[in-house]
Amino acid sequence: MKVIRKINNNVAIGKDDNGHEVILFGKGIGFPAIPYTLTDLSKIDRTYYNIDKKFYGLLQEIPDTVFLLVSRLLDAVRPRLPGSLNPNLTFILADHIHFAVDRQRKGMNFSLPYSYELEYEYPELTAISRWIVRQVNERMHVHLDKGEISSITMHFLNAMMENLQETAVPSQAAVSGQADSASAGKGSKPPGPDRTTRVISALTKIVEDFFSIQLDKKSYHYFRFKNHLKFFVQRKGRGGEFTSPNNDIFDSVRNAHPDIYECVQRMDDFLFKEFGERCPREELLYLMIHVSQLHNKEDCNRKGITPE
């Protein structure tokens, strides 16, 4: 095994004997001078093949312990899952759980909506997600709320491979139709099969126009943003909204980043026209977090602080 790039002392990028790139986890695996040939393969704890390179940045943001915990939890539940999963799921779920745990530890306790409809439609996936949340709470000494169960269930549904899409994953058209039905009579636009795509495109353009930037559509920050908006449209279709008041946190972020808040206000104006109702403060807070990440990354790119 050739080790070609160091992430940290315990994580590196390698190439196997067939020339396939692989992410390697193992104690001290990134410590020697790079590149080098790893002959003792027993030092490798975990390997991740076929990972989209946009997820590589997470290796520097998320502790190794979170990746390993999520990997072990997925190993435990995989026999109960109907079919194959997207290989990127470990990274997507690790990012979600790390963000949720970090937010909870910092006192940013705003509750995600729990979907009883989702539980009814996918009881087995919901049970698996409930077990994962319980394990995370016990092992990381936190108390993630019930809404995280629905969020993780949605991640599972989106990670199902193509052979399950017709039976397990609601199509975009179906989700859009639910959203259109839910917003009917509220002054929303006529129903259309591409509502999710339309919302993502419109809000992306608002961010780009407001800050005069071009977002990197292949970046993980954009993936997070796009995924959040996809779940937003689905929540609208299911009638789910954030529930807990977070006025102090919201006011703090708004006052610290008035330009981000103004941009999100324009996004809210669009969403009001689209769905016939304003976003709650918790949703606006999430949007401010995502827009801040997108803006900071592109601003750094323009200044040459990070590579394009």
C-alpha atoms as a PDB file:
ATOM      1  CA  MET A   1       0.000   0.000   0.000  1.00  0.00           C
ATOM      2  CA  LYS A   2       1.406   3.389  -1.042  1.00  0.00           C
ATOM      3  CA  VAL A   3       0.623   6.273   1.326  1.00  0.00           C
ATOM      4  CA  ILE A   4       0.512   9.426  -0.806  1.00  0.00           C
ATOM      5  CA  ARG A   5      -1.037  12.164   1.327  1.00  0.00           C
ATOM      6  CA  LYS A   6      -1.199  12.898   5.038  1.00  0.00           C
ATOM      7  CA  ILE A   7      -4.424  14.168   6.615  1.00  0.00           C
ATOM      8  CA  ASN A   8      -3.234  13.856  10.204  1.00  0.00           C
ATOM      9  CA  ASN A   9      -1.129  11.376  12.186  1.00  0.00           C
ATOM     10  CA  ASN A  10      -3.916   8.784  12.102  1.00  0.00           C
ATOM     11  CA  VAL A  11      -5.517   9.410   8.702  1.00  0.00           C
ATOM     12  CA  ALA A  12      -3.980   9.388   5.225  1.00  0.00           C
ATOM     13  CA  ILE A  13      -4.788   8.875   1.546  1.00  0.00           C
ATOM     14  CA  GLY A  14      -3.280   5.818  -0.098  1.00  0.00           C
ATOM     15  CA  LYS A  15      -3.221   3.849  -3.325  1.00  0.00           C
ATOM     16  CA  ASP A  16      -3.549   0.083  -3.372  1.00  0.00           C
ATOM     17  CA  ASP A  17      -1.710  -2.304  -5.688  1.00  0.00           C
ATOM     18  CA  ASN A  18      -4.359  -1.764  -8.373  1.00  0.00           C
ATOM     19  CA  GLY A  19      -3.903   2.004  -8.305  1.00  0.00           C
ATOM     20  CA  HIS A  20      -7.228   2.662  -6.570  1.00  0.00           C
ATOM     21  CA  GLU A  21      -7.288   5.632  -4.180  1.00  0.00           C
ATOM     22  CA  VAL A  22      -8.389   4.806  -0.652  1.00  0.00           C
ATOM     23  CA  ILE A  23      -8.773   6.652   2.646  1.00  0.00           C
ATOM     24  CA  LEU A  24      -6.827   4.953   5.432  1.00  0.00           C
ATOM     25  CA  PHE A  25      -7.447   5.128   9.174  1.00  0.00           C
ATOM     26  CA  GLY A  26      -4.844   3.729  11.565  1.00  0.00           C
ATOM     27  CA  LYS A  27      -2.790   4.857  14.553  1.00  0.00           C
ATOM     28  CA  GLY A  28       0.325   6.679  13.354  1.00  0.00           C
ATOM     29  CA  ILE A  29      -0.373   5.920   9.710  1.00  0.00           C
ATOM     30  CA  GLY A  30       0.220   9.519   8.661  1.00  0.00           C
ATOM     31  CA  PHE A  31       3.284  10.092  10.835  1.00  0.00           C
ATOM     32  CA  PRO A  32       6.150   8.942   8.532  1.00  0.00           C
ATOM     33  CA  ALA A  33       7.452  11.187   5.739  1.00  0.00           C
ATOM     34  CA  ILE A  34       5.065  11.126   2.784  1.00  0.00           C
ATOM     35  CA  PRO A  35       5.041   9.372   0.343  1.00  0.00           C
ATOM     36  CA  TYR A  36       6.031   5.979   1.680  1.00  0.00           C
ATOM     37  CA  THR A  37       5.146   2.321   1.236  1.00  0.00           C
ATOM     38  CA  LEU A  38       3.164   0.758   4.063  1.00  0.00           C
ATOM     39  CA  THR A  39       4.151  -2.883   4.295  1.00  0.00           C
ATOM     40  CA  ASP A  40       2.510  -3.734   7.625  1.00  0.00           C
ATOM     41  CA  LEU A  41      -1.178  -3.676   6.649  1.00  0.00           C
ATOM     42  CA  SER A  42      -2.177  -4.625  10.203  1.00  0.00           C
ATOM     43  CA  LYS A  43      -1.693  -0.938  11.066  1.00  0.00           C
ATOM     44  CA  ILE A  44      -4.769  -0.098   8.983  1.00  0.00           C
ATOM     45  CA  ASP A  45      -7.948   0.025  11.088  1.00  0.00           C
ATOM     46  CA  ARG A  46     -10.345   1.196   8.375  1.00  0.00           C
ATOM     47  CA  THR A  47     -10.362   1.728   4.619  1.00  0.00           C
ATOM     48  CA  TYR A  48     -12.855   3.775   2.610  1.00  0.00           C
ATOM     49  CA  TYR A  49     -13.059   3.247  -1.146  1.00  0.00           C
ATOM     50  CA  ASN A  50     -15.037   5.175  -3.780  1.00  0.00           C
ATOM     51  CA  ILE A  51     -15.392   8.300  -1.641  1.00  0.00           C
ATOM     52  CA  ASP A  52     -16.214  11.482  -3.518  1.00  0.00           C
ATOM     53  CA  LYS A  53     -13.265  13.857  -3.161  1.00  0.00           C
ATOM     54  CA  LYS A  54     -15.527  16.681  -2.047  1.00  0.00           C
ATOM     55  CA  PHE A  55     -15.801  14.817   1.270  1.00  0.00           C
ATOM     56  CA  TYR A  56     -12.039  14.785   1.865  1.00  0.00           C
ATOM     57  CA  GLY A  57     -12.220  18.140   3.650  1.00  0.00           C
ATOM     58  CA  LEU A  58     -14.264  16.500   6.392  1.00  0.00           C
ATOM     59  CA  LEU A  59     -11.230  14.451   7.385  1.00  0.00           C
ATOM     60  CA  GLN A  60      -9.671  17.635   8.746  1.00  0.00           C
ATOM     61  CA  GLU A  61     -12.878  18.955  10.342  1.00  0.00           C
ATOM     62  CA  ILE A  62     -14.270  15.894  12.107  1.00  0.00           C
ATOM     63  CA  PRO A  63     -12.454  13.955  14.858  1.00  0.00           C
ATOM     64  CA  ASP A  64     -11.301  10.432  13.967  1.00  0.00           C
ATOM     65  CA  THR A  65     -13.361   9.116  16.880  1.00  0.00           C
ATOM     66  CA  VAL A  66     -16.590  10.294  15.229  1.00  0.00           C
ATOM     67  CA  PHE A  67     -15.734   8.596  11.918  1.00  0.00           C
ATOM     68  CA  LEU A  68     -14.870   5.356  13.681  1.00  0.00           C
ATOM     69  CA  LEU A  69     -18.023   5.454  15.824  1.00  0.00           C
ATOM     70  CA  VAL A  70     -20.244   6.034  12.782  1.00  0.00           C
ATOM     71  CA  SER A  71     -18.421   3.275  10.857  1.00  0.00           C
ATOM     72  CA  ARG A  72     -19.009   0.773  13.661  1.00  0.00           C
ATOM     73  CA  LEU A  73     -22.658   1.749  14.008  1.00  0.00           C
ATOM     74  CA  LEU A  74     -23.201   1.325  10.264  1.00  0.00           C
ATOM     75  CA  ASP A  75     -21.434  -2.051  10.367  1.00  0.00           C
ATOM     76  CA  ALA A  76     -23.848  -3.127  13.101  1.00  0.00           C
ATOM     77  CA  VAL A  77     -27.020  -2.105  11.246  1.00  0.00           C
ATOM     78  CA  ARG A  78     -25.979  -2.975   7.674  1.00  0.00           C
ATOM     79  CA  PRO A  79     -27.438  -6.540   7.811  1.00  0.00           C
ATOM     80  CA  ARG A  80     -30.848  -4.990   8.583  1.00  0.00           C
ATOM     81  CA  LEU A  81     -30.740  -2.557   5.646  1.00  0.00           C
ATOM     82  CA  PRO A  82     -32.539  -3.484   2.414  1.00  0.00           C
ATOM     83  CA  GLY A  83     -29.748  -3.372  -0.173  1.00  0.00           C
ATOM     84  CA  SER A  84     -26.588  -1.403  -0.801  1.00  0.00           C
ATOM     85  CA  LEU A  85     -25.760   2.055   0.470  1.00  0.00           C
ATOM     86  CA  ASN A  86     -23.911   4.939  -1.089  1.00  0.00           C
ATOM     87  CA  PRO A  87     -20.273   4.557   0.068  1.00  0.00           C
ATOM     88  CA  ASN A  88     -20.252   8.243   1.049  1.00  0.00           C
ATOM     89  CA  LEU A  89     -22.866   7.630   3.767  1.00  0.00           C
ATOM     90  CA  THR A  90     -20.250   7.218   6.518  1.00  0.00           C
ATOM     91  CA  PHE A  91     -18.925  10.697   5.763  1.00  0.00           C
ATOM     92  CA  ILE A  92     -22.362  12.287   5.375  1.00  0.00           C
ATOM     93  CA  LEU A  93     -23.605  10.754   8.621  1.00  0.00           C
ATOM     94  CA  ALA A  94     -20.378  11.563  10.495  1.00  0.00           C
ATOM     95  CA  ASP A  95     -20.710  15.192   9.421  1.00  0.00           C
ATOM     96  CA  HIS A  96     -24.359  15.318  10.505  1.00  0.00           C
ATOM     97  CA  ILE A  97     -23.678  13.710  13.896  1.00  0.00           C
ATOM     98  CA  HIS A  98     -20.577  15.812  14.562  1.00  0.00           C
ATOM     99  CA  PHE A  99     -22.525  19.000  13.794  1.00  0.00           C
ATOM    100  CA  ALA A 100     -25.434  17.904  16.011  1.00  0.00           C
ATOM    101  CA  VAL A 101     -23.141  16.947  18.919  1.00  0.00           C
ATOM    102  CA  ASP A 102     -21.065  20.125  18.605  1.00  0.00           C
ATOM    103  CA  ARG A 103     -24.216  22.252  18.503  1.00  0.00           C
ATOM    104  CA  GLN A 104     -25.628  20.514  21.583  1.00  0.00           C
ATOM    105  CA  ARG A 105     -22.408  20.912  23.556  1.00  0.00           C
ATOM    106  CA  LYS A 106     -22.311  24.618  22.732  1.00  0.00           C
ATOM    107  CA  GLY A 107     -25.850  25.075  24.017  1.00  0.00           C
ATOM    108  CA  MET A 108     -27.361  25.670  20.573  1.00  0.00           C
ATOM    109  CA  ASN A 109     -30.317  23.466  21.396  1.00  0.00           C
ATOM    110  CA  PHE A 110     -32.856  23.968  18.641  1.00  0.00           C
ATOM    111  CA  SER A 111     -35.020  20.962  17.937  1.00  0.00           C
ATOM    112  CA  LEU A 112     -35.441  19.360  14.548  1.00  0.00           C
ATOM    113  CA  PRO A 113     -38.959  18.182  13.685  1.00  0.00           C
ATOM    114  CA  TYR A 114     -39.848  14.538  14.254  1.00  0.00           C
ATOM    115  CA  SER A 115     -41.845  12.992  11.418  1.00  0.00           C
ATOM    116  CA  TYR A 116     -44.490  10.463  12.459  1.00  0.00           C
ATOM    117  CA  GLU A 117     -45.380  10.086   8.786  1.00  0.00           C
ATOM    118  CA  LEU A 118     -41.800   9.017   8.058  1.00  0.00           C
ATOM    119  CA  GLU A 119     -41.973   6.538  10.951  1.00  0.00           C
ATOM    120  CA  TYR A 120     -45.188   5.091   9.528  1.00  0.00           C
ATOM    121  CA  GLU A 121     -43.770   4.769   5.990  1.00  0.00           C
ATOM    122  CA  TYR A 122     -40.339   3.424   7.016  1.00  0.00           C
ATOM    123  CA  PRO A 123     -40.652   1.781  10.461  1.00  0.00           C
ATOM    124  CA  GLU A 124     -37.498  -0.361  10.123  1.00  0.00           C
ATOM    125  CA  LEU A 125     -35.285   2.544   9.043  1.00  0.00           C
ATOM    126  CA  THR A 126     -36.755   4.682  11.815  1.00  0.00           C
ATOM    127  CA  ALA A 127     -36.002   1.966  14.384  1.00  0.00           C
ATOM    128  CA  ILE A 128     -32.404   1.759  13.115  1.00  0.00           C
ATOM    129  CA  SER A 129     -32.041   5.547  13.296  1.00  0.00           C
ATOM    130  CA  ARG A 130     -33.478   5.581  16.822  1.00  0.00           C
ATOM    131  CA  TRP A 131     -30.877   3.004  17.884  1.00  0.00           C
ATOM    132  CA  ILE A 132     -28.080   5.089  16.326  1.00  0.00           C
ATOM    133  CA  VAL A 133     -29.196   8.233  18.166  1.00  0.00           C
ATOM    134  CA  ARG A 134     -29.332   6.297  21.433  1.00  0.00           C
ATOM    135  CA  GLN A 135     -25.818   4.923  20.845  1.00  0.00           C
ATOM    136  CA  VAL A 136     -24.442   8.387  20.033  1.00  0.00           C
ATOM    137  CA  ASN A 137     -26.041   9.818  23.166  1.00  0.00           C
ATOM    138  CA  GLU A 138     -24.583   7.080  25.367  1.00  0.00           C
ATOM    139  CA  ARG A 139     -21.086   7.014  23.872  1.00  0.00           C
ATOM    140  CA  MET A 140     -20.608  10.752  23.392  1.00  0.00           C
ATOM    141  CA  HIS A 141     -22.429  11.779  26.595  1.00  0.00           C
ATOM    142  CA  VAL A 142     -24.920  14.084  24.900  1.00  0.00           C
ATOM    143  CA  HIS A 143     -28.685  14.210  24.544  1.00  0.00           C
ATOM    144  CA  LEU A 144     -29.644  14.570  20.895  1.00  0.00           C
ATOM    145  CA  ASP A 145     -33.380  15.137  20.602  1.00  0.00           C
ATOM    146  CA  LYS A 146     -35.994  12.997  18.889  1.00  0.00           C
ATOM    147  CA  GLY A 147     -35.926  14.998  15.665  1.00  0.00           C
ATOM    148  CA  GLU A 148     -32.453  13.633  14.906  1.00  0.00           C
ATOM    149  CA  ILE A 149     -34.100  10.239  14.341  1.00  0.00           C
ATOM    150  CA  SER A 150     -36.055  11.579  11.372  1.00  0.00           C
ATOM    151  CA  SER A 151     -33.005  13.399  10.016  1.00  0.00           C
ATOM    152  CA  ILE A 152     -30.871  10.248  10.090  1.00  0.00           C
ATOM    153  CA  THR A 153     -33.709   8.269   8.509  1.00  0.00           C
ATOM    154  CA  MET A 154     -33.733  10.759   5.632  1.00  0.00           C
ATOM    155  CA  HIS A 155     -29.970  10.309   5.233  1.00  0.00           C
ATOM    156  CA  PHE A 156     -30.504   6.550   4.939  1.00  0.00           C
ATOM    157  CA  LEU A 157     -33.231   7.021   2.348  1.00  0.00           C
ATOM    158  CA  ASN A 158     -31.046   9.317   0.276  1.00  0.00           C
ATOM    159  CA  ALA A 159     -28.132   6.877   0.511  1.00  0.00           C
ATOM    160  CA  MET A 160     -30.056   3.941  -0.926  1.00  0.00           C
ATOM    161  CA  MET A 161     -28.688   2.784  -4.273  1.00  0.00           C
ATOM    162  CA  GLU A 162     -30.647   2.994  -7.542  1.00  0.00           C
ATOM    163  CA  ASN A 163     -32.115  -0.502  -7.231  1.00  0.00           C
ATOM    164  CA  LEU A 164     -34.171   0.681  -4.231  1.00  0.00           C
ATOM    165  CA  GLN A 165     -35.179   4.139  -5.428  1.00  0.00           C
ATOM    166  CA  GLU A 166     -38.522   3.068  -6.839  1.00  0.00           C
ATOM    167  CA  THR A 167     -39.576   1.166  -3.718  1.00  0.00           C
ATOM    168  CA  ALA A 168     -37.811   2.778  -0.773  1.00  0.00           C
ATOM    169  CA  VAL A 169     -37.033   6.362  -1.615  1.00  0.00           C
ATOM    170  CA  PRO A 170     -39.762   8.868  -2.442  1.00  0.00           C
ATOM    171  CA  SER A 171     -39.035  10.382  -5.840  1.00  0.00           C
ATOM    172  CA  GLN A 172     -38.429  14.071  -6.257  1.00  0.00           C
ATOM    173  CA  ALA A 173     -41.712  14.362  -8.115  1.00  0.00           C
ATOM    174  CA  ALA A 174     -43.570  12.682  -5.255  1.00  0.00           C
ATOM    175  CA  VAL A 175     -41.941  14.898  -2.660  1.00  0.00           C
ATOM    176  CA  SER A 176     -42.646  17.962  -4.751  1.00  0.00           C
ATOM    177  CA  GLY A 177     -46.240  16.878  -5.161  1.00  0.00           C
ATOM    178  CA  GLN A 178     -46.591  16.511  -1.389  1.00  0.00           C
ATOM    179  CA  ALA A 179     -45.118  19.944  -0.893  1.00  0.00           C
ATOM    180  CA  ASP A 180     -47.433  21.427  -3.491  1.00  0.00           C
ATOM    181  CA  SER A 181     -50.455  19.797  -1.859  1.00  0.00           C
ATOM    182  CA  ALA A 182     -49.404  20.993   1.579  1.00  0.00           C
ATOM    183  CA  SER A 183     -49.053  24.576   0.401  1.00  0.00           C
ATOM    184  CA  ALA A 184     -52.175  24.635  -1.752  1.00  0.00           C
ATOM    185  CA  GLY A 185     -54.471  27.489  -0.860  1.00  0.00           C
ATOM    186  CA  LYS A 186     -51.669  29.508   0.752  1.00  0.00           C
ATOM    187  CA  GLY A 187     -50.895  31.626  -2.256  1.00  0.00           C
ATOM    188  CA  SER A 188     -48.071  29.382  -3.440  1.00  0.00           C
ATOM    189  CA  LYS A 189     -47.048  28.844  -7.049  1.00  0.00           C
ATOM    190  CA  PRO A 190     -48.802  26.222  -9.187  1.00  0.00           C
ATOM    191  CA  PRO A 191     -47.640  22.639  -8.602  1.00  0.00           C
ATOM    192  CA  GLY A 192     -44.627  21.440 -10.567  1.00  0.00           C
ATOM    193  CA  PRO A 193     -42.483  18.278 -10.624  1.00  0.00           C
ATOM    194  CA  ASP A 194     -39.227  20.169 -10.091  1.00  0.00           C
ATOM    195  CA  ARG A 195     -39.944  22.246  -7.009  1.00  0.00           C
ATOM    196  CA  THR A 196     -36.847  21.030  -5.146  1.00  0.00           C
ATOM    197  CA  THR A 197     -34.586  21.870  -8.091  1.00  0.00           C
ATOM    198  CA  ARG A 198     -36.266  25.245  -8.527  1.00  0.00           C
ATOM    199  CA  VAL A 199     -35.821  26.174  -4.861  1.00  0.00           C
ATOM    200  CA  ILE A 200     -32.158  25.138  -4.806  1.00  0.00           C
ATOM    201  CA  SER A 201     -31.392  27.015  -8.034  1.00  0.00           C
ATOM    202  CA  ALA A 202     -33.176  30.173  -6.927  1.00  0.00           C
ATOM    203  CA  LEU A 203     -31.558  30.331  -3.475  1.00  0.00           C
ATOM    204  CA  THR A 204     -28.140  29.578  -4.944  1.00  0.00           C
ATOM    205  CA  LYS A 205     -28.556  32.524  -7.309  1.00  0.00           C
ATOM    206  CA  ILE A 206     -29.626  34.784  -4.437  1.00  0.00           C
ATOM    207  CA  VAL A 207     -26.406  33.981  -2.545  1.00  0.00           C
ATOM    208  CA  GLU A 208     -24.228  34.415  -5.646  1.00  0.00           C
ATOM    209  CA  ASP A 209     -25.854  37.714  -6.642  1.00  0.00           C
ATOM    210  CA  PHE A 210     -25.832  39.143  -3.128  1.00  0.00           C
ATOM    211  CA  PHE A 211     -22.123  38.524  -2.530  1.00  0.00           C
ATOM    212  CA  SER A 212     -21.033  38.725  -6.205  1.00  0.00           C
ATOM    213  CA  ILE A 213     -19.424  35.295  -6.024  1.00  0.00           C
ATOM    214  CA  GLN A 214     -19.563  32.034  -7.953  1.00  0.00           C
ATOM    215  CA  LEU A 215     -20.234  29.099  -5.648  1.00  0.00           C
ATOM    216  CA  ASP A 216     -18.235  25.928  -6.144  1.00  0.00           C
ATOM    217  CA  LYS A 217     -20.989  23.407  -6.899  1.00  0.00           C
ATOM    218  CA  LYS A 218     -18.582  20.530  -6.248  1.00  0.00           C
ATOM    219  CA  SER A 219     -17.612  21.658  -2.749  1.00  0.00           C
ATOM    220  CA  TYR A 220     -18.845  19.924   0.372  1.00  0.00           C
ATOM    221  CA  HIS A 221     -20.136  23.171   1.839  1.00  0.00           C
ATOM    222  CA  TYR A 222     -22.419  23.491  -1.197  1.00  0.00           C
ATOM    223  CA  PHE A 223     -23.439  19.847  -0.839  1.00  0.00           C
ATOM    224  CA  ARG A 224     -24.461  20.573   2.771  1.00  0.00           C
ATOM    225  CA  PHE A 225     -26.420  23.636   1.650  1.00  0.00           C
ATOM    226  CA  LYS A 226     -28.155  21.767  -1.170  1.00  0.00           C
ATOM    227  CA  ASN A 227     -28.956  18.805   1.069  1.00  0.00           C
ATOM    228  CA  HIS A 228     -30.449  21.101   3.705  1.00  0.00           C
ATOM    229  CA  LEU A 229     -32.707  22.718   1.102  1.00  0.00           C
ATOM    230  CA  LYS A 230     -33.782  19.320  -0.205  1.00  0.00           C
ATOM    231  CA  PHE A 231     -34.799  18.296   3.317  1.00  0.00           C
ATOM    232  CA  PHE A 232     -36.484  21.690   3.747  1.00  0.00           C
ATOM    233  CA  VAL A 233     -38.793  21.052   0.775  1.00  0.00           C
ATOM    234  CA  GLN A 234     -39.500  17.547   2.067  1.00  0.00           C
ATOM    235  CA  ARG A 235     -40.322  18.894   5.537  1.00  0.00           C
ATOM    236  CA  LYS A 236     -42.730  21.347   3.931  1.00  0.00           C
ATOM    237  CA  GLY A 237     -44.437  18.417   2.234  1.00  0.00           C
ATOM    238  CA  ARG A 238     -44.719  16.584   5.551  1.00  0.00           C
ATOM    239  CA  GLY A 239     -45.787  19.621   7.549  1.00  0.00           C
ATOM    240  CA  GLY A 240     -42.689  19.529   9.753  1.00  0.00           C
ATOM    241  CA  GLU A 241     -41.090  22.652  11.191  1.00  0.00           C
ATOM    242  CA  PHE A 242     -38.543  23.466  13.852  1.00  0.00           C
ATOM    243  CA  THR A 243     -40.171  23.846  17.231  1.00  0.00           C
ATOM    244  CA  SER A 244     -37.922  25.306  19.919  1.00  0.00           C
ATOM    245  CA  PRO A 245     -37.359  29.030  20.525  1.00  0.00           C
ATOM    246  CA  ASN A 246     -33.749  30.213  20.162  1.00  0.00           C
ATOM    247  CA  ASN A 247     -34.018  33.966  20.271  1.00  0.00           C
ATOM    248  CA  ASP A 248     -30.668  34.508  22.005  1.00  0.00           C
ATOM    249  CA  ILE A 249     -28.718  32.374  19.520  1.00  0.00           C
ATOM    250  CA  PHE A 250     -30.574  33.833  16.548  1.00  0.00           C
ATOM    251  CA  ASP A 251     -30.005  37.430  17.686  1.00  0.00           C
ATOM    252  CA  SER A 252     -26.339  36.750  18.381  1.00  0.00           C
ATOM    253  CA  VAL A 253     -25.676  35.355  14.896  1.00  0.00           C
ATOM    254  CA  ARG A 254     -27.780  38.049  13.220  1.00  0.00           C
ATOM    255  CA  ASN A 255     -25.966  40.873  15.027  1.00  0.00           C
ATOM    256  CA  ALA A 256     -22.533  39.385  14.364  1.00  0.00           C
ATOM    257  CA  HIS A 257     -23.186  38.889  10.629  1.00  0.00           C
ATOM    258  CA  PRO A 258     -25.649  41.522   9.357  1.00  0.00           C
ATOM    259  CA  ASP A 259     -24.718  40.888   5.712  1.00  0.00           C
ATOM    260  CA  ILE A 260     -25.420  37.157   6.069  1.00  0.00           C
ATOM    261  CA  TYR A 261     -28.745  37.967   7.725  1.00  0.00           C
ATOM    262  CA  GLU A 262     -29.716  40.351   4.920  1.00  0.00           C
ATOM    263  CA  CYS A 263     -28.950  37.685   2.329  1.00  0.00           C
ATOM    264  CA  VAL A 264     -31.046  35.127   4.225  1.00  0.00           C
ATOM    265  CA  GLN A 265     -33.896  37.651   4.435  1.00  0.00           C
ATOM    266  CA  ARG A 266     -33.940  37.728   0.639  1.00  0.00           C
ATOM    267  CA  MET A 267     -34.005  33.949   0.616  1.00  0.00           C
ATOM    268  CA  ASP A 268     -36.929  34.034   3.021  1.00  0.00           C
ATOM    269  CA  ASP A 269     -38.756  36.446   0.691  1.00  0.00           C
ATOM    270  CA  PHE A 270     -38.425  33.897  -2.113  1.00  0.00           C
ATOM    271  CA  LEU A 271     -39.551  31.012   0.117  1.00  0.00           C
ATOM    272  CA  PHE A 272     -42.561  33.044   1.244  1.00  0.00           C
ATOM    273  CA  LYS A 273     -43.627  33.459  -2.386  1.00  0.00           C
ATOM    274  CA  GLU A 274     -42.984  29.773  -3.037  1.00  0.00           C
ATOM    275  CA  PHE A 275     -44.707  28.266   0.023  1.00  0.00           C
ATOM    276  CA  GLY A 276     -46.985  31.035   1.276  1.00  0.00           C
ATOM    277  CA  GLU A 277     -45.451  31.307   4.739  1.00  0.00           C
ATOM    278  CA  ARG A 278     -42.356  32.742   6.397  1.00  0.00           C
ATOM    279  CA  CYS A 279     -39.534  30.569   7.723  1.00  0.00           C
ATOM    280  CA  PRO A 280     -39.353  30.239  11.517  1.00  0.00           C
ATOM    281  CA  ARG A 281     -36.298  31.685  13.234  1.00  0.00           C
ATOM    282  CA  GLU A 282     -34.718  28.252  13.632  1.00  0.00           C
ATOM    283  CA  GLU A 283     -34.818  27.707   9.863  1.00  0.00           C
ATOM    284  CA  LEU A 284     -33.353  31.176   9.250  1.00  0.00           C
ATOM    285  CA  LEU A 285     -30.594  30.351  11.747  1.00  0.00           C
ATOM    286  CA  TYR A 286     -29.697  27.186   9.849  1.00  0.00           C
ATOM    287  CA  LEU A 287     -29.665  29.125   6.573  1.00  0.00           C
ATOM    288  CA  MET A 288     -27.383  31.766   8.105  1.00  0.00           C
ATOM    289  CA  ILE A 289     -24.939  29.036   9.161  1.00  0.00           C
ATOM    290  CA  HIS A 290     -24.893  27.523   5.659  1.00  0.00           C
ATOM    291  CA  VAL A 291     -24.584  30.871   3.880  1.00  0.00           C
ATOM    292  CA  SER A 292     -21.773  31.907   6.216  1.00  0.00           C
ATOM    293  CA  GLN A 293     -19.840  28.740   5.355  1.00  0.00           C
ATOM    294  CA  LEU A 294     -20.388  29.247   1.612  1.00  0.00           C
ATOM    295  CA  HIS A 295     -19.429  32.922   1.715  1.00  0.00           C
ATOM    296  CA  ASN A 296     -16.324  32.359   3.849  1.00  0.00           C
ATOM    297  CA  LYS A 297     -15.051  29.620   1.540  1.00  0.00           C
ATOM    298  CA  GLU A 298     -15.530  31.618  -1.651  1.00  0.00           C
ATOM    299  CA  ASP A 299     -14.086  34.765  -0.066  1.00  0.00           C
ATOM    300  CA  CYS A 300     -10.972  32.807   0.904  1.00  0.00           C
ATOM    301  CA  ASN A 301     -10.715  31.409  -2.637  1.00  0.00           C
ATOM    302  CA  ARG A 302     -10.810  34.923  -4.115  1.00  0.00           C
ATOM    303  CA  LYS A 303      -8.068  36.052  -1.743  1.00  0.00           C
ATOM    304  CA  GLY A 304      -5.916  33.028  -2.533  1.00  0.00           C
ATOM    305  CA  ILE A 305      -6.072  31.682   1.014  1.00  0.00           C
ATOM    306  CA  THR A 306      -7.318  28.269  -0.108  1.00  0.00           C
ATOM    307  CA  PRO A 307      -6.999  26.520  -3.483  1.00  0.00           C
ATOM    308  CA  GLU A 308      -9.813  26.723  -5.993  1.00  0.00           C
END
